[in-house]
Amino acid sequence: MKKLLLASAILSLSHAALADRTAIGDDGREIRLKENGSWEYISNDRFATSEDGTRVRLKDDGSWEFIGNAPMQTEEQVRTENLDLTLDRVITEYIKEKSGPKNYQYKSQTVFYLDLDVSSYGAEVQSKLNQFDLIKAVDDKNTEYPVIAVTPSATVFKSGQKYKLAIRVDGSPAGSIVWGTRKLYLKFDPAVFGNGSELSFMIRTNEIKKAQVKKLPK
């Protein structure tokens, strides 16, 4: 009985492995790979990626339609179907206050500067950047740095436009590398831009710039 069940399971796996699959040919056309070893074109439509990373479907009738950017993600850049978000730089602003005859107290805030490019072929982007609990800054020691400000405060970003974002958080790990903190992450919940997945950026603490200021925003 056990041998019969095992044989049945193997047969089921074999059928699953041989199920029809979809592939994209080198010329951009969609292909169906059949389980019997044959194949056929699903359509004569082709796909192309423009120099700005936009993906389009080139239809057989001579028309085309936008289908989103070619997705990509690195430590400093994330491209989704409708936006391109790049981490430009991170700066720790700090003030030095005298707390005694020979003692000083330091207070700091860290600012993430990002470039936001909304695709000109898609719809405008509705964001929830004003909901700070959906944005998280955390280092590789799991220390969190609360978001205290986001600029601009707009929640709608128009297609074809470029924006400069600034995410300000309280504190900084830049001075604690001797304690083993080496990386700082900025993460956006999927609901922030409605793209269905978390957007994450990383910078090494020794790459964070420092700037002494006279006053920190409240």
Protein backbone atom coordinates (compact mmCIF):
# COMPACT_ATOMS: atom_id res chain seq x y z
CA MET A 1 0.00 0.00 0.00
CA LYS A 2 2.85 2.39 0.91
CA LYS A 3 4.59 1.61 -2.39
CA LEU A 4 1.39 2.38 -4.27
CA LEU A 5 0.99 5.74 -2.50
CA LEU A 6 4.62 6.62 -3.17
CA ALA A 7 4.28 5.77 -6.86
CA SER A 8 1.13 7.89 -7.06
CA ALA A 9 2.91 10.86 -5.42
CA ILE A 10 5.85 10.59 -7.82
CA LEU A 11 3.46 10.45 -10.77
CA SER A 12 1.64 13.57 -9.52
CA LEU A 13 4.93 15.44 -9.16
CA SER A 14 5.93 14.40 -12.66
CA HIS A 15 2.70 15.79 -14.10
CA ALA A 16 3.18 19.04 -12.14
CA ALA A 17 6.71 19.38 -13.46
CA LEU A 18 5.45 18.82 -17.01
CA ALA A 19 2.56 21.29 -16.78
CA ASP A 20 2.35 24.02 -19.44
CA ARG A 21 4.62 26.96 -18.77
CA THR A 22 4.85 30.47 -20.16
CA ALA A 23 8.10 31.98 -21.38
CA ILE A 24 9.25 35.16 -23.10
CA GLY A 25 11.27 34.65 -26.27
CA ASP A 26 14.42 36.61 -27.10
CA ASP A 27 12.31 38.64 -29.55
CA GLY A 28 9.85 39.52 -26.77
CA ARG A 29 6.95 37.30 -27.79
CA GLU A 30 5.07 35.20 -25.24
CA ILE A 31 5.45 31.45 -25.69
CA ARG A 32 3.55 28.52 -24.21
CA LEU A 33 5.78 25.51 -23.47
CA LYS A 34 3.53 22.48 -23.55
CA GLU A 35 3.93 19.39 -21.38
CA ASN A 36 4.14 17.17 -24.46
CA GLY A 37 7.37 18.87 -25.55
CA SER A 38 5.88 21.18 -28.18
CA TRP A 39 5.45 24.95 -28.02
CA GLU A 40 3.42 27.74 -29.58
CA TYR A 41 3.26 31.53 -29.59
CA ILE A 42 0.52 32.83 -27.32
CA SER A 43 0.43 36.08 -29.29
CA ASN A 44 2.58 38.07 -31.66
CA ASP A 45 2.78 40.94 -29.18
CA ARG A 46 6.29 41.89 -28.14
CA PHE A 47 7.71 43.54 -25.02
CA ALA A 48 10.30 46.29 -24.85
CA THR A 49 12.12 48.28 -22.17
CA SER A 50 12.89 51.94 -22.89
CA GLU A 51 16.02 53.75 -21.75
CA ASP A 52 14.23 55.01 -18.63
CA GLY A 53 13.25 51.47 -17.60
CA THR A 54 9.63 51.64 -18.81
CA ARG A 55 8.11 48.35 -19.97
CA VAL A 56 5.62 48.43 -22.86
CA ARG A 57 3.66 45.85 -24.82
CA LEU A 58 4.04 46.28 -28.59
CA LYS A 59 0.86 44.89 -30.10
CA ASP A 60 0.65 43.08 -33.42
CA ASP A 61 -1.83 45.67 -34.72
CA GLY A 62 0.78 48.44 -34.42
CA SER A 63 -0.47 49.91 -31.13
CA TRP A 64 1.23 49.74 -27.73
CA GLU A 65 0.30 49.95 -24.09
CA PHE A 66 2.11 50.75 -20.85
CA ILE A 67 2.62 47.75 -18.56
CA GLY A 68 4.93 49.27 -15.95
CA ASN A 69 8.61 49.76 -15.28
CA ALA A 70 11.00 46.86 -15.39
CA PRO A 71 11.23 46.03 -11.65
CA MET A 72 14.61 46.18 -9.94
CA GLN A 73 15.98 46.61 -6.42
CA THR A 74 19.44 47.43 -5.08
CA GLU A 75 20.63 48.80 -1.75
CA GLU A 76 20.09 52.36 -2.97
CA GLN A 77 17.40 52.12 -5.66
CA VAL A 78 14.01 50.47 -6.08
CA ARG A 79 12.01 50.55 -9.30
CA THR A 80 8.40 49.37 -9.30
CA GLU A 81 5.88 49.38 -12.12
CA ASN A 82 4.98 53.04 -11.63
CA LEU A 83 7.81 54.72 -9.72
CA ASP A 84 11.57 54.88 -9.35
CA LEU A 85 12.87 55.68 -5.86
CA THR A 86 16.58 56.32 -5.24
CA LEU A 87 18.38 56.98 -1.97
CA ASP A 88 20.53 60.02 -2.73
CA ARG A 89 22.29 60.60 0.59
CA VAL A 90 21.91 60.36 4.36
CA ILE A 91 23.01 63.11 6.74
CA THR A 92 23.15 63.18 10.52
CA GLU A 93 22.50 66.64 11.91
CA TYR A 94 23.66 67.20 15.48
CA ILE A 95 23.96 69.90 18.10
CA LYS A 96 26.62 70.09 20.80
CA GLU A 97 25.44 71.50 24.11
CA LYS A 98 27.46 72.11 27.25
CA SER A 99 26.14 70.03 30.13
CA GLY A 100 28.86 70.87 32.66
CA PRO A 101 32.19 72.66 33.10
CA LYS A 102 33.97 70.14 30.92
CA ASN A 103 31.14 67.99 29.59
CA TYR A 104 29.09 68.22 26.42
CA GLN A 105 25.83 66.62 25.39
CA TYR A 106 25.05 65.65 21.81
CA LYS A 107 21.60 65.42 20.24
CA SER A 108 21.08 64.22 16.69
CA GLN A 109 18.58 63.58 13.93
CA THR A 110 19.17 61.70 10.70
CA VAL A 111 17.72 62.72 7.34
CA PHE A 112 17.27 60.35 4.38
CA TYR A 113 17.15 62.21 1.07
CA LEU A 114 15.48 60.36 -1.79
CA ASP A 115 14.67 61.08 -5.44
CA LEU A 116 11.18 60.02 -6.52
CA ASP A 117 10.49 59.68 -10.26
CA VAL A 118 6.91 58.83 -11.26
CA SER A 119 6.55 57.17 -14.65
CA SER A 120 4.97 59.38 -17.30
CA TYR A 121 3.13 56.38 -18.76
CA GLY A 122 1.24 55.38 -15.63
CA ALA A 123 -1.29 56.93 -13.29
CA GLU A 124 -0.48 59.30 -10.45
CA VAL A 125 0.77 57.72 -7.23
CA GLN A 126 -1.34 57.96 -4.10
CA SER A 127 0.91 57.74 -1.05
CA LYS A 128 0.58 57.46 2.72
CA LEU A 129 3.82 59.21 3.58
CA ASN A 130 1.93 61.18 6.22
CA GLN A 131 1.43 57.97 8.22
CA PHE A 132 4.78 57.75 9.99
CA ASP A 133 4.05 54.34 11.50
CA LEU A 134 4.31 52.87 7.98
CA ILE A 135 7.92 54.04 7.63
CA LYS A 136 10.68 52.43 9.65
CA ALA A 137 14.34 53.34 10.17
CA VAL A 138 16.25 50.56 11.91
CA ASP A 139 19.90 49.55 12.22
CA ASP A 140 21.44 46.09 12.12
CA LYS A 141 21.23 45.90 15.93
CA ASN A 142 17.44 46.29 15.71
CA THR A 143 17.51 49.80 17.18
CA GLU A 144 14.64 51.83 15.74
CA TYR A 145 14.77 55.56 15.01
CA PRO A 146 11.27 57.12 15.05
CA VAL A 147 10.18 59.13 12.02
CA ILE A 148 9.45 62.73 13.07
CA ALA A 149 8.95 64.50 9.72
CA VAL A 150 8.45 63.84 6.01
CA THR A 151 8.72 66.49 3.31
CA PRO A 152 7.05 67.29 1.06
CA SER A 153 3.81 66.64 2.90
CA ALA A 154 1.94 65.92 -0.35
CA THR A 155 0.26 62.53 -0.62
CA VAL A 156 -0.35 62.60 -4.38
CA PHE A 157 2.52 62.46 -6.86
CA LYS A 158 1.67 63.22 -10.48
CA SER A 159 2.80 61.05 -13.36
CA GLY A 160 5.84 62.27 -15.28
CA GLN A 161 7.03 64.38 -12.33
CA LYS A 162 10.18 64.17 -10.19
CA TYR A 163 10.24 64.90 -6.49
CA LYS A 164 12.77 65.27 -3.68
CA LEU A 165 11.81 63.50 -0.46
CA ALA A 166 13.30 63.99 2.99
CA ILE A 167 12.58 61.49 5.76
CA ARG A 168 13.75 62.82 9.15
CA VAL A 169 14.20 60.43 12.08
CA ASP A 170 15.22 60.95 15.70
CA GLY A 171 18.76 59.86 16.60
CA SER A 172 21.57 58.31 14.58
CA PRO A 173 23.80 55.22 14.65
CA ALA A 174 26.61 57.04 12.85
CA GLY A 175 28.65 57.52 16.02
CA SER A 176 28.13 54.01 17.37
CA ILE A 177 30.06 51.98 14.80
CA VAL A 178 32.55 51.06 17.52
CA TRP A 179 29.71 49.16 19.18
CA GLY A 180 29.12 47.10 16.08
CA THR A 181 26.39 49.09 14.33
CA ARG A 182 27.35 49.07 10.67
CA LYS A 183 24.17 49.39 8.64
CA LEU A 184 21.07 51.57 8.68
CA TYR A 185 17.87 50.64 6.84
CA LEU A 186 14.91 52.69 5.68
CA LYS A 187 11.79 50.64 4.97
CA PHE A 188 8.44 51.62 3.49
CA ASP A 189 5.41 49.47 4.21
CA PRO A 190 3.63 48.22 1.01
CA ALA A 191 0.71 50.52 1.84
CA VAL A 192 2.84 53.69 1.55
CA PHE A 193 2.92 53.64 -2.25
CA GLY A 194 0.36 50.87 -2.84
CA ASN A 195 2.80 48.74 -4.79
CA GLY A 196 2.20 45.44 -2.96
CA SER A 197 5.68 44.91 -1.53
CA GLU A 198 8.01 46.54 1.00
CA LEU A 199 10.56 49.02 -0.34
CA SER A 200 13.86 48.83 1.51
CA PHE A 201 17.07 50.88 1.35
CA MET A 202 20.38 50.40 3.14
CA ILE A 203 23.38 52.60 3.87
CA ARG A 204 26.53 51.77 5.81
CA THR A 205 27.03 53.89 8.89
CA ASN A 206 30.50 54.99 7.80
CA GLU A 207 28.90 56.50 4.68
CA ILE A 208 26.51 58.71 6.64
CA LYS A 209 27.59 62.35 6.45
CA LYS A 210 27.60 64.52 9.58
CA ALA A 211 26.70 68.19 9.90
CA GLN A 212 26.74 70.27 13.05
CA VAL A 213 23.78 72.64 13.23
CA LYS A 214 22.71 75.36 15.61
CA LYS A 215 19.25 73.96 16.14
CA LEU A 216 17.34 70.76 15.44
CA PRO A 217 13.72 70.86 14.25
CA LYS A 218 11.19 69.90 16.90
